[in-house]
Amino acid sequence: MANQTSKFSFTVNPNAAASLHEDGIVILHTGKGCLFSSNGTGARIWRGVENQLSSQAIVEEISSEYQIAPNIAQRHTVNFLAQLEGQGLIQREATS
């Protein structure tokens, strides 16, 4: 999956409403009535999805912002995106 990161982008599910705050993010899935929260890194990934950045662009931002190795940023970003997707908060789209 790690090598496929750049081949996908994600969009926010219309049933997801997010509230960014100083410590991170809270996301409500209005269709399910479930609430999710994450730290600042998760909020940054979410903003990348909202801004329609590719998965690879999000990884690059995380790596640069937190000064961590790209492979570590990629692993954590891919895992978080998979969790968001699994909860129906974002939807995967193939990029050309």
PDB file of N, CA and C in Angstrom:
ATOM      1  N   MET A   1       0.814  -1.197   0.000  1.00  0.00           N
ATOM      2  CA  MET A   1       0.000   0.000   0.000  1.00  0.00           C
ATOM      3  C   MET A   1       0.853   1.255   0.000  1.00  0.00           C
ATOM      4  N   ALA A   2       2.013   1.225   0.648  1.00  0.00           N
ATOM      5  CA  ALA A   2       2.859   2.402   0.749  1.00  0.00           C
ATOM      6  C   ALA A   2       3.269   2.920  -0.623  1.00  0.00           C
ATOM      7  N   ASN A   3       3.565   2.055  -1.562  1.00  0.00           N
ATOM      8  CA  ASN A   3       3.968   2.484  -2.886  1.00  0.00           C
ATOM      9  C   ASN A   3       2.811   3.034  -3.693  1.00  0.00           C
ATOM     10  N   GLN A   4       1.599   2.791  -3.289  1.00  0.00           N
ATOM     11  CA  GLN A   4       0.425   3.261  -4.010  1.00  0.00           C
ATOM     12  C   GLN A   4      -0.086   4.595  -3.489  1.00  0.00           C
ATOM     13  N   THR A   5       0.557   5.173  -2.499  1.00  0.00           N
ATOM     14  CA  THR A   5       0.075   6.397  -1.881  1.00  0.00           C
ATOM     15  C   THR A   5      -0.136   7.504  -2.886  1.00  0.00           C
ATOM     16  N   SER A   6       0.784   7.689  -3.821  1.00  0.00           N
ATOM     17  CA  SER A   6       0.687   8.805  -4.747  1.00  0.00           C
ATOM     18  C   SER A   6      -0.377   8.593  -5.823  1.00  0.00           C
ATOM     19  N   LYS A   7      -0.940   7.407  -5.912  1.00  0.00           N
ATOM     20  CA  LYS A   7      -1.925   7.114  -6.948  1.00  0.00           C
ATOM     21  C   LYS A   7      -3.345   7.439  -6.512  1.00  0.00           C
ATOM     22  N   PHE A   8      -3.516   7.916  -5.301  1.00  0.00           N
ATOM     23  CA  PHE A   8      -4.849   8.189  -4.798  1.00  0.00           C
ATOM     24  C   PHE A   8      -4.925   9.560  -4.150  1.00  0.00           C
ATOM     25  N   SER A   9      -6.097  10.108  -4.220  1.00  0.00           N
ATOM     26  CA  SER A   9      -6.412  11.277  -3.418  1.00  0.00           C
ATOM     27  C   SER A   9      -7.733  10.935  -2.722  1.00  0.00           C
ATOM     28  N   PHE A  10      -8.108  11.757  -1.804  1.00  0.00           N
ATOM     29  CA  PHE A  10      -9.327  11.501  -1.045  1.00  0.00           C
ATOM     30  C   PHE A  10     -10.194  12.747  -1.029  1.00  0.00           C
ATOM     31  N   THR A  11     -11.475  12.541  -0.870  1.00  0.00           N
ATOM     32  CA  THR A  11     -12.402  13.648  -0.673  1.00  0.00           C
ATOM     33  C   THR A  11     -13.157  13.407   0.624  1.00  0.00           C
ATOM     34  N   VAL A  12     -13.611  14.479   1.215  1.00  0.00           N
ATOM     35  CA  VAL A  12     -14.370  14.393   2.458  1.00  0.00           C
ATOM     36  C   VAL A  12     -15.781  13.908   2.147  1.00  0.00           C
ATOM     37  N   ASN A  13     -16.245  12.947   2.906  1.00  0.00           N
ATOM     38  CA  ASN A  13     -17.617  12.462   2.787  1.00  0.00           C
ATOM     39  C   ASN A  13     -18.557  13.607   3.160  1.00  0.00           C
ATOM     40  N   PRO A  14     -19.597  13.858   2.376  1.00  0.00           N
ATOM     41  CA  PRO A  14     -20.541  14.934   2.703  1.00  0.00           C
ATOM     42  C   PRO A  14     -21.197  14.764   4.078  1.00  0.00           C
ATOM     43  N   ASN A  15     -21.183  13.550   4.628  1.00  0.00           N
ATOM     44  CA  ASN A  15     -21.752  13.306   5.950  1.00  0.00           C
ATOM     45  C   ASN A  15     -20.779  13.599   7.082  1.00  0.00           C
ATOM     46  N   ALA A  16     -19.601  14.105   6.759  1.00  0.00           N
ATOM     47  CA  ALA A  16     -18.597  14.398   7.784  1.00  0.00           C
ATOM     48  C   ALA A  16     -18.498  15.905   7.992  1.00  0.00           C
ATOM     49  N   ALA A  17     -18.574  16.306   9.238  1.00  0.00           N
ATOM     50  CA  ALA A  17     -18.416  17.714   9.604  1.00  0.00           C
ATOM     51  C   ALA A  17     -17.274  17.810  10.604  1.00  0.00           C
ATOM     52  N   ALA A  18     -16.299  18.659  10.302  1.00  0.00           N
ATOM     53  CA  ALA A  18     -15.107  18.745  11.142  1.00  0.00           C
ATOM     54  C   ALA A  18     -15.012  20.091  11.840  1.00  0.00           C
ATOM     55  N   SER A  19     -14.436  20.051  13.025  1.00  0.00           N
ATOM     56  CA  SER A  19     -14.159  21.261  13.788  1.00  0.00           C
ATOM     57  C   SER A  19     -12.690  21.227  14.195  1.00  0.00           C
ATOM     58  N   LEU A  20     -11.913  22.135  13.619  1.00  0.00           N
ATOM     59  CA  LEU A  20     -10.501  22.240  13.962  1.00  0.00           C
ATOM     60  C   LEU A  20     -10.361  23.115  15.195  1.00  0.00           C
ATOM     61  N   HIS A  21      -9.464  22.743  16.082  1.00  0.00           N
ATOM     62  CA  HIS A  21      -9.195  23.536  17.263  1.00  0.00           C
ATOM     63  C   HIS A  21      -7.712  23.498  17.558  1.00  0.00           C
ATOM     64  N   GLU A  22      -7.284  24.216  18.552  1.00  0.00           N
ATOM     65  CA  GLU A  22      -5.862  24.364  18.868  1.00  0.00           C
ATOM     66  C   GLU A  22      -5.145  23.030  19.063  1.00  0.00           C
ATOM     67  N   ASP A  23      -5.804  22.061  19.664  1.00  0.00           N
ATOM     68  CA  ASP A  23      -5.171  20.784  19.975  1.00  0.00           C
ATOM     69  C   ASP A  23      -5.387  19.699  18.930  1.00  0.00           C
ATOM     70  N   GLY A  24      -6.182  19.970  17.900  1.00  0.00           N
ATOM     71  CA  GLY A  24      -6.430  18.942  16.897  1.00  0.00           C
ATOM     72  C   GLY A  24      -7.728  19.140  16.158  1.00  0.00           C
ATOM     73  N   ILE A  25      -8.489  18.069  16.063  1.00  0.00           N
ATOM     74  CA  ILE A  25      -9.713  18.080  15.269  1.00  0.00           C
ATOM     75  C   ILE A  25     -10.746  17.144  15.880  1.00  0.00           C
ATOM     76  N   VAL A  26     -12.006  17.505  15.711  1.00  0.00           N
ATOM     77  CA  VAL A  26     -13.131  16.643  16.061  1.00  0.00           C
ATOM     78  C   VAL A  26     -13.970  16.515  14.795  1.00  0.00           C
ATOM     79  N   ILE A  27     -14.322  15.291  14.457  1.00  0.00           N
ATOM     80  CA  ILE A  27     -15.088  15.027  13.239  1.00  0.00           C
ATOM     81  C   ILE A  27     -16.370  14.299  13.616  1.00  0.00           C
ATOM     82  N   LEU A  28     -17.482  14.795  13.127  1.00  0.00           N
ATOM     83  CA  LEU A  28     -18.783  14.164  13.350  1.00  0.00           C
ATOM     84  C   LEU A  28     -19.250  13.535  12.054  1.00  0.00           C
ATOM     85  N   HIS A  29     -19.569  12.254  12.105  1.00  0.00           N
ATOM     86  CA  HIS A  29     -20.201  11.583  10.963  1.00  0.00           C
ATOM     87  C   HIS A  29     -21.695  11.712  11.205  1.00  0.00           C
ATOM     88  N   THR A  30     -22.325  12.651  10.495  1.00  0.00           N
ATOM     89  CA  THR A  30     -23.733  12.955  10.757  1.00  0.00           C
ATOM     90  C   THR A  30     -24.653  11.790  10.410  1.00  0.00           C
ATOM     91  N   GLY A  31     -24.281  10.980   9.444  1.00  0.00           N
ATOM     92  CA  GLY A  31     -25.108   9.834   9.065  1.00  0.00           C
ATOM     93  C   GLY A  31     -25.132   8.748  10.118  1.00  0.00           C
ATOM     94  N   LYS A  32     -23.992   8.537  10.782  1.00  0.00           N
ATOM     95  CA  LYS A  32     -23.873   7.501  11.806  1.00  0.00           C
ATOM     96  C   LYS A  32     -24.048   8.047  13.214  1.00  0.00           C
ATOM     97  N   GLY A  33     -23.899   9.363  13.358  1.00  0.00           N
ATOM     98  CA  GLY A  33     -23.968   9.958  14.691  1.00  0.00           C
ATOM     99  C   GLY A  33     -22.737   9.667  15.534  1.00  0.00           C
ATOM    100  N   CYS A  34     -21.607   9.371  14.889  1.00  0.00           N
ATOM    101  CA  CYS A  34     -20.370   9.046  15.602  1.00  0.00           C
ATOM    102  C   CYS A  34     -19.434  10.244  15.606  1.00  0.00           C
ATOM    103  N   LEU A  35     -18.701  10.383  16.697  1.00  0.00           N
ATOM    104  CA  LEU A  35     -17.759  11.472  16.864  1.00  0.00           C
ATOM    105  C   LEU A  35     -16.348  10.906  16.931  1.00  0.00           C
ATOM    106  N   PHE A  36     -15.429  11.526  16.221  1.00  0.00           N
ATOM    107  CA  PHE A  36     -14.042  11.097  16.182  1.00  0.00           C
ATOM    108  C   PHE A  36     -13.158  12.290  16.516  1.00  0.00           C
ATOM    109  N   SER A  37     -12.020  12.037  17.138  1.00  0.00           N
ATOM    110  CA  SER A  37     -11.095  13.129  17.430  1.00  0.00           C
ATOM    111  C   SER A  37      -9.669  12.689  17.137  1.00  0.00           C
ATOM    112  N   SER A  38      -8.817  13.682  16.898  1.00  0.00           N
ATOM    113  CA  SER A  38      -7.416  13.406  16.632  1.00  0.00           C
ATOM    114  C   SER A  38      -6.581  14.611  17.057  1.00  0.00           C
ATOM    115  N   ASN A  39      -5.278  14.387  17.090  1.00  0.00           N
ATOM    116  CA  ASN A  39      -4.342  15.438  17.475  1.00  0.00           C
ATOM    117  C   ASN A  39      -4.058  16.382  16.298  1.00  0.00           C
ATOM    118  N   GLY A  40      -3.075  17.247  16.468  1.00  0.00           N
ATOM    119  CA  GLY A  40      -2.725  18.214  15.445  1.00  0.00           C
ATOM    120  C   GLY A  40      -2.259  17.597  14.143  1.00  0.00           C
ATOM    121  N   THR A  41      -1.566  16.477  14.222  1.00  0.00           N
ATOM    122  CA  THR A  41      -1.114  15.804  13.003  1.00  0.00           C
ATOM    123  C   THR A  41      -2.313  15.293  12.211  1.00  0.00           C
ATOM    124  N   GLY A  42      -3.272  14.705  12.896  1.00  0.00           N
ATOM    125  CA  GLY A  42      -4.492  14.255  12.231  1.00  0.00           C
ATOM    126  C   GLY A  42      -5.250  15.417  11.613  1.00  0.00           C
ATOM    127  N   ALA A  43      -5.258  16.558  12.306  1.00  0.00           N
ATOM    128  CA  ALA A  43      -5.921  17.751  11.770  1.00  0.00           C
ATOM    129  C   ALA A  43      -5.230  18.215  10.489  1.00  0.00           C
ATOM    130  N   ARG A  44      -3.916  18.142  10.482  1.00  0.00           N
ATOM    131  CA  ARG A  44      -3.167  18.560   9.291  1.00  0.00           C
ATOM    132  C   ARG A  44      -3.465  17.626   8.110  1.00  0.00           C
ATOM    133  N   ILE A  45      -3.549  16.337   8.374  1.00  0.00           N
ATOM    134  CA  ILE A  45      -3.902  15.383   7.322  1.00  0.00           C
ATOM    135  C   ILE A  45      -5.314  15.670   6.818  1.00  0.00           C
ATOM    136  N   TRP A  46      -6.235  15.913   7.726  1.00  0.00           N
ATOM    137  CA  TRP A  46      -7.618  16.222   7.346  1.00  0.00           C
ATOM    138  C   TRP A  46      -7.667  17.465   6.456  1.00  0.00           C
ATOM    139  N   ARG A  47      -6.924  18.510   6.831  1.00  0.00           N
ATOM    140  CA  ARG A  47      -6.895  19.727   6.012  1.00  0.00           C
ATOM    141  C   ARG A  47      -6.354  19.425   4.616  1.00  0.00           C
ATOM    142  N   GLY A  48      -5.374  18.523   4.543  1.00  0.00           N
ATOM    143  CA  GLY A  48      -4.866  18.126   3.230  1.00  0.00           C
ATOM    144  C   GLY A  48      -5.944  17.487   2.379  1.00  0.00           C
ATOM    145  N   VAL A  49      -6.757  16.646   2.990  1.00  0.00           N
ATOM    146  CA  VAL A  49      -7.880  16.022   2.274  1.00  0.00           C
ATOM    147  C   VAL A  49      -8.870  17.096   1.846  1.00  0.00           C
ATOM    148  N   GLU A  50      -9.211  18.003   2.760  1.00  0.00           N
ATOM    149  CA  GLU A  50     -10.143  19.089   2.422  1.00  0.00           C
ATOM    150  C   GLU A  50      -9.623  19.940   1.260  1.00  0.00           C
ATOM    151  N   ASN A  51      -8.315  20.131   1.213  1.00  0.00           N
ATOM    152  CA  ASN A  51      -7.698  20.937   0.154  1.00  0.00           C
ATOM    153  C   ASN A  51      -7.407  20.126  -1.104  1.00  0.00           C
ATOM    154  N   GLN A  52      -7.878  18.888  -1.120  1.00  0.00           N
ATOM    155  CA  GLN A  52      -7.766  17.976  -2.257  1.00  0.00           C
ATOM    156  C   GLN A  52      -6.314  17.733  -2.671  1.00  0.00           C
ATOM    157  N   LEU A  53      -5.428  17.664  -1.672  1.00  0.00           N
ATOM    158  CA  LEU A  53      -4.039  17.316  -1.945  1.00  0.00           C
ATOM    159  C   LEU A  53      -3.936  15.816  -2.180  1.00  0.00           C
ATOM    160  N   SER A  54      -2.973  15.419  -2.984  1.00  0.00           N
ATOM    161  CA  SER A  54      -2.736  13.988  -3.162  1.00  0.00           C
ATOM    162  C   SER A  54      -2.192  13.426  -1.851  1.00  0.00           C
ATOM    163  N   SER A  55      -2.290  12.144  -1.696  1.00  0.00           N
ATOM    164  CA  SER A  55      -1.753  11.494  -0.501  1.00  0.00           C
ATOM    165  C   SER A  55      -0.265  11.780  -0.365  1.00  0.00           C
ATOM    166  N   GLN A  56       0.449  11.755  -1.488  1.00  0.00           N
ATOM    167  CA  GLN A  56       1.889  12.010  -1.450  1.00  0.00           C
ATOM    168  C   GLN A  56       2.187  13.437  -1.008  1.00  0.00           C
ATOM    169  N   ALA A  57       1.395  14.404  -1.445  1.00  0.00           N
ATOM    170  CA  ALA A  57       1.592  15.792  -1.021  1.00  0.00           C
ATOM    171  C   ALA A  57       1.366  15.937   0.483  1.00  0.00           C
ATOM    172  N   ILE A  58       0.390  15.223   1.010  1.00  0.00           N
ATOM    173  CA  ILE A  58       0.135  15.253   2.451  1.00  0.00           C
ATOM    174  C   ILE A  58       1.329  14.667   3.195  1.00  0.00           C
ATOM    175  N   VAL A  59       1.856  13.556   2.701  1.00  0.00           N
ATOM    176  CA  VAL A  59       3.032  12.926   3.314  1.00  0.00           C
ATOM    177  C   VAL A  59       4.199  13.912   3.330  1.00  0.00           C
ATOM    178  N   GLU A  60       4.432  14.582   2.221  1.00  0.00           N
ATOM    179  CA  GLU A  60       5.530  15.540   2.137  1.00  0.00           C
ATOM    180  C   GLU A  60       5.352  16.685   3.139  1.00  0.00           C
ATOM    181  N   GLU A  61       4.122  17.164   3.288  1.00  0.00           N
ATOM    182  CA  GLU A  61       3.854  18.224   4.274  1.00  0.00           C
ATOM    183  C   GLU A  61       4.131  17.747   5.691  1.00  0.00           C
ATOM    184  N   ILE A  62       3.681  16.557   6.017  1.00  0.00           N
ATOM    185  CA  ILE A  62       3.887  16.006   7.364  1.00  0.00           C
ATOM    186  C   ILE A  62       5.376  15.817   7.627  1.00  0.00           C
ATOM    187  N   SER A  63       6.086  15.273   6.665  1.00  0.00           N
ATOM    188  CA  SER A  63       7.520  15.053   6.812  1.00  0.00           C
ATOM    189  C   SER A  63       8.255  16.364   7.050  1.00  0.00           C
ATOM    190  N   SER A  64       7.914  17.371   6.283  1.00  0.00           N
ATOM    191  CA  SER A  64       8.561  18.673   6.401  1.00  0.00           C
ATOM    192  C   SER A  64       8.192  19.381   7.699  1.00  0.00           C
ATOM    193  N   GLU A  65       6.903  19.411   8.000  1.00  0.00           N
ATOM    194  CA  GLU A  65       6.411  20.132   9.183  1.00  0.00           C
ATOM    195  C   GLU A  65       6.988  19.565  10.480  1.00  0.00           C
ATOM    196  N   TYR A  66       7.015  18.249  10.590  1.00  0.00           N
ATOM    197  CA  TYR A  66       7.443  17.612  11.835  1.00  0.00           C
ATOM    198  C   TYR A  66       8.887  17.118  11.781  1.00  0.00           C
ATOM    199  N   GLN A  67       9.565  17.389  10.654  1.00  0.00           N
ATOM    200  CA  GLN A  67      10.963  17.014  10.461  1.00  0.00           C
ATOM    201  C   GLN A  67      11.207  15.537  10.785  1.00  0.00           C
ATOM    202  N   ILE A  68      10.396  14.697  10.133  1.00  0.00           N
ATOM    203  CA  ILE A  68      10.549  13.257  10.279  1.00  0.00           C
ATOM    204  C   ILE A  68      10.845  12.658   8.905  1.00  0.00           C
ATOM    205  N   ALA A  69      11.425  11.487   8.902  1.00  0.00           N
ATOM    206  CA  ALA A  69      11.772  10.819   7.647  1.00  0.00           C
ATOM    207  C   ALA A  69      10.518  10.589   6.808  1.00  0.00           C
ATOM    208  N   PRO A  70      10.634  10.770   5.502  1.00  0.00           N
ATOM    209  CA  PRO A  70       9.472  10.573   4.629  1.00  0.00           C
ATOM    210  C   PRO A  70       8.809   9.210   4.774  1.00  0.00           C
ATOM    211  N   ASN A  71       9.597   8.144   4.982  1.00  0.00           N
ATOM    212  CA  ASN A  71       8.982   6.815   5.105  1.00  0.00           C
ATOM    213  C   ASN A  71       8.154   6.697   6.383  1.00  0.00           C
ATOM    214  N   ILE A  72       8.562   7.368   7.438  1.00  0.00           N
ATOM    215  CA  ILE A  72       7.779   7.359   8.688  1.00  0.00           C
ATOM    216  C   ILE A  72       6.510   8.188   8.500  1.00  0.00           C
ATOM    217  N   ALA A  73       6.649   9.358   7.882  1.00  0.00           N
ATOM    218  CA  ALA A  73       5.477  10.203   7.609  1.00  0.00           C
ATOM    219  C   ALA A  73       4.488   9.465   6.725  1.00  0.00           C
ATOM    220  N   GLN A  74       5.002   8.749   5.751  1.00  0.00           N
ATOM    221  CA  GLN A  74       4.129   8.011   4.844  1.00  0.00           C
ATOM    222  C   GLN A  74       3.371   6.908   5.580  1.00  0.00           C
ATOM    223  N   ARG A  75       4.073   6.146   6.402  1.00  0.00           N
ATOM    224  CA  ARG A  75       3.427   5.059   7.138  1.00  0.00           C
ATOM    225  C   ARG A  75       2.298   5.584   8.021  1.00  0.00           C
ATOM    226  N   HIS A  76       2.570   6.636   8.765  1.00  0.00           N
ATOM    227  CA  HIS A  76       1.551   7.179   9.671  1.00  0.00           C
ATOM    228  C   HIS A  76       0.401   7.841   8.911  1.00  0.00           C
ATOM    229  N   THR A  77       0.728   8.541   7.843  1.00  0.00           N
ATOM    230  CA  THR A  77      -0.318   9.195   7.051  1.00  0.00           C
ATOM    231  C   THR A  77      -1.219   8.165   6.392  1.00  0.00           C
ATOM    232  N   VAL A  78      -0.621   7.141   5.795  1.00  0.00           N
ATOM    233  CA  VAL A  78      -1.409   6.092   5.141  1.00  0.00           C
ATOM    234  C   VAL A  78      -2.305   5.390   6.156  1.00  0.00           C
ATOM    235  N   ASN A  79      -1.780   5.111   7.345  1.00  0.00           N
ATOM    236  CA  ASN A  79      -2.584   4.462   8.383  1.00  0.00           C
ATOM    237  C   ASN A  79      -3.752   5.340   8.806  1.00  0.00           C
ATOM    238  N   PHE A  80      -3.497   6.645   8.988  1.00  0.00           N
ATOM    239  CA  PHE A  80      -4.571   7.545   9.413  1.00  0.00           C
ATOM    240  C   PHE A  80      -5.624   7.685   8.317  1.00  0.00           C
ATOM    241  N   LEU A  81      -5.181   7.818   7.066  1.00  0.00           N
ATOM    242  CA  LEU A  81      -6.137   7.896   5.959  1.00  0.00           C
ATOM    243  C   LEU A  81      -6.977   6.622   5.875  1.00  0.00           C
ATOM    244  N   ALA A  82      -6.363   5.473   6.111  1.00  0.00           N
ATOM    245  CA  ALA A  82      -7.105   4.208   6.096  1.00  0.00           C
ATOM    246  C   ALA A  82      -8.153   4.169   7.204  1.00  0.00           C
ATOM    247  N   GLN A  83      -7.816   4.705   8.369  1.00  0.00           N
ATOM    248  CA  GLN A  83      -8.790   4.769   9.470  1.00  0.00           C
ATOM    249  C   GLN A  83      -9.951   5.694   9.112  1.00  0.00           C
ATOM    250  N   LEU A  84      -9.628   6.852   8.542  1.00  0.00           N
ATOM    251  CA  LEU A  84     -10.693   7.775   8.131  1.00  0.00           C
ATOM    252  C   LEU A  84     -11.592   7.137   7.078  1.00  0.00           C
ATOM    253  N   GLU A  85     -10.963   6.464   6.131  1.00  0.00           N
ATOM    254  CA  GLU A  85     -11.723   5.802   5.073  1.00  0.00           C
ATOM    255  C   GLU A  85     -12.576   4.669   5.648  1.00  0.00           C
ATOM    256  N   GLY A  86     -12.014   3.911   6.557  1.00  0.00           N
ATOM    257  CA  GLY A  86     -12.738   2.809   7.179  1.00  0.00           C
ATOM    258  C   GLY A  86     -13.962   3.256   7.965  1.00  0.00           C
ATOM    259  N   GLN A  87     -13.894   4.455   8.504  1.00  0.00           N
ATOM    260  CA  GLN A  87     -15.026   5.004   9.257  1.00  0.00           C
ATOM    261  C   GLN A  87     -16.004   5.750   8.350  1.00  0.00           C
ATOM    262  N   GLY A  88     -15.708   5.799   7.055  1.00  0.00           N
ATOM    263  CA  GLY A  88     -16.601   6.463   6.105  1.00  0.00           C
ATOM    264  C   GLY A  88     -16.517   7.976   6.152  1.00  0.00           C
ATOM    265  N   LEU A  89     -15.415   8.512   6.657  1.00  0.00           N
ATOM    266  CA  LEU A  89     -15.268   9.962   6.759  1.00  0.00           C
ATOM    267  C   LEU A  89     -14.669  10.574   5.496  1.00  0.00           C
ATOM    268  N   ILE A  90     -13.921   9.766   4.738  1.00  0.00           N
ATOM    269  CA  ILE A  90     -13.352  10.206   3.477  1.00  0.00           C
ATOM    270  C   ILE A  90     -13.576   9.116   2.438  1.00  0.00           C
ATOM    271  N   GLN A  91     -13.436   9.505   1.169  1.00  0.00           N
ATOM    272  CA  GLN A  91     -13.635   8.563   0.078  1.00  0.00           C
ATOM    273  C   GLN A  91     -12.415   8.623  -0.832  1.00  0.00           C
ATOM    274  N   ARG A  92     -11.938   7.477  -1.270  1.00  0.00           N
ATOM    275  CA  ARG A  92     -10.767   7.375  -2.135  1.00  0.00           C
ATOM    276  C   ARG A  92     -11.145   7.640  -3.584  1.00  0.00           C
ATOM    277  N   GLU A  93     -10.260   8.371  -4.267  1.00  0.00           N
ATOM    278  CA  GLU A  93     -10.434   8.621  -5.684  1.00  0.00           C
ATOM    279  C   GLU A  93      -9.097   8.386  -6.377  1.00  0.00           C
ATOM    280  N   ALA A  94      -9.126   7.721  -7.507  1.00  0.00           N
ATOM    281  CA  ALA A  94      -7.892   7.516  -8.280  1.00  0.00           C
ATOM    282  C   ALA A  94      -7.473   8.829  -8.906  1.00  0.00           C
ATOM    283  N   THR A  95      -6.162   9.077  -8.917  1.00  0.00           N
ATOM    284  CA  THR A  95      -5.649  10.267  -9.578  1.00  0.00           C
ATOM    285  C   THR A  95      -5.056   9.871 -10.907  1.00  0.00           C
ATOM    286  N   SER A  96      -5.025  10.797 -11.820  1.00  0.00           N
ATOM    287  CA  SER A  96      -4.485  10.473 -13.154  1.00  0.00           C
ATOM    288  C   SER A  96      -3.011  10.783 -13.234  1.00  0.00           C
TER     289      SER A  96
END
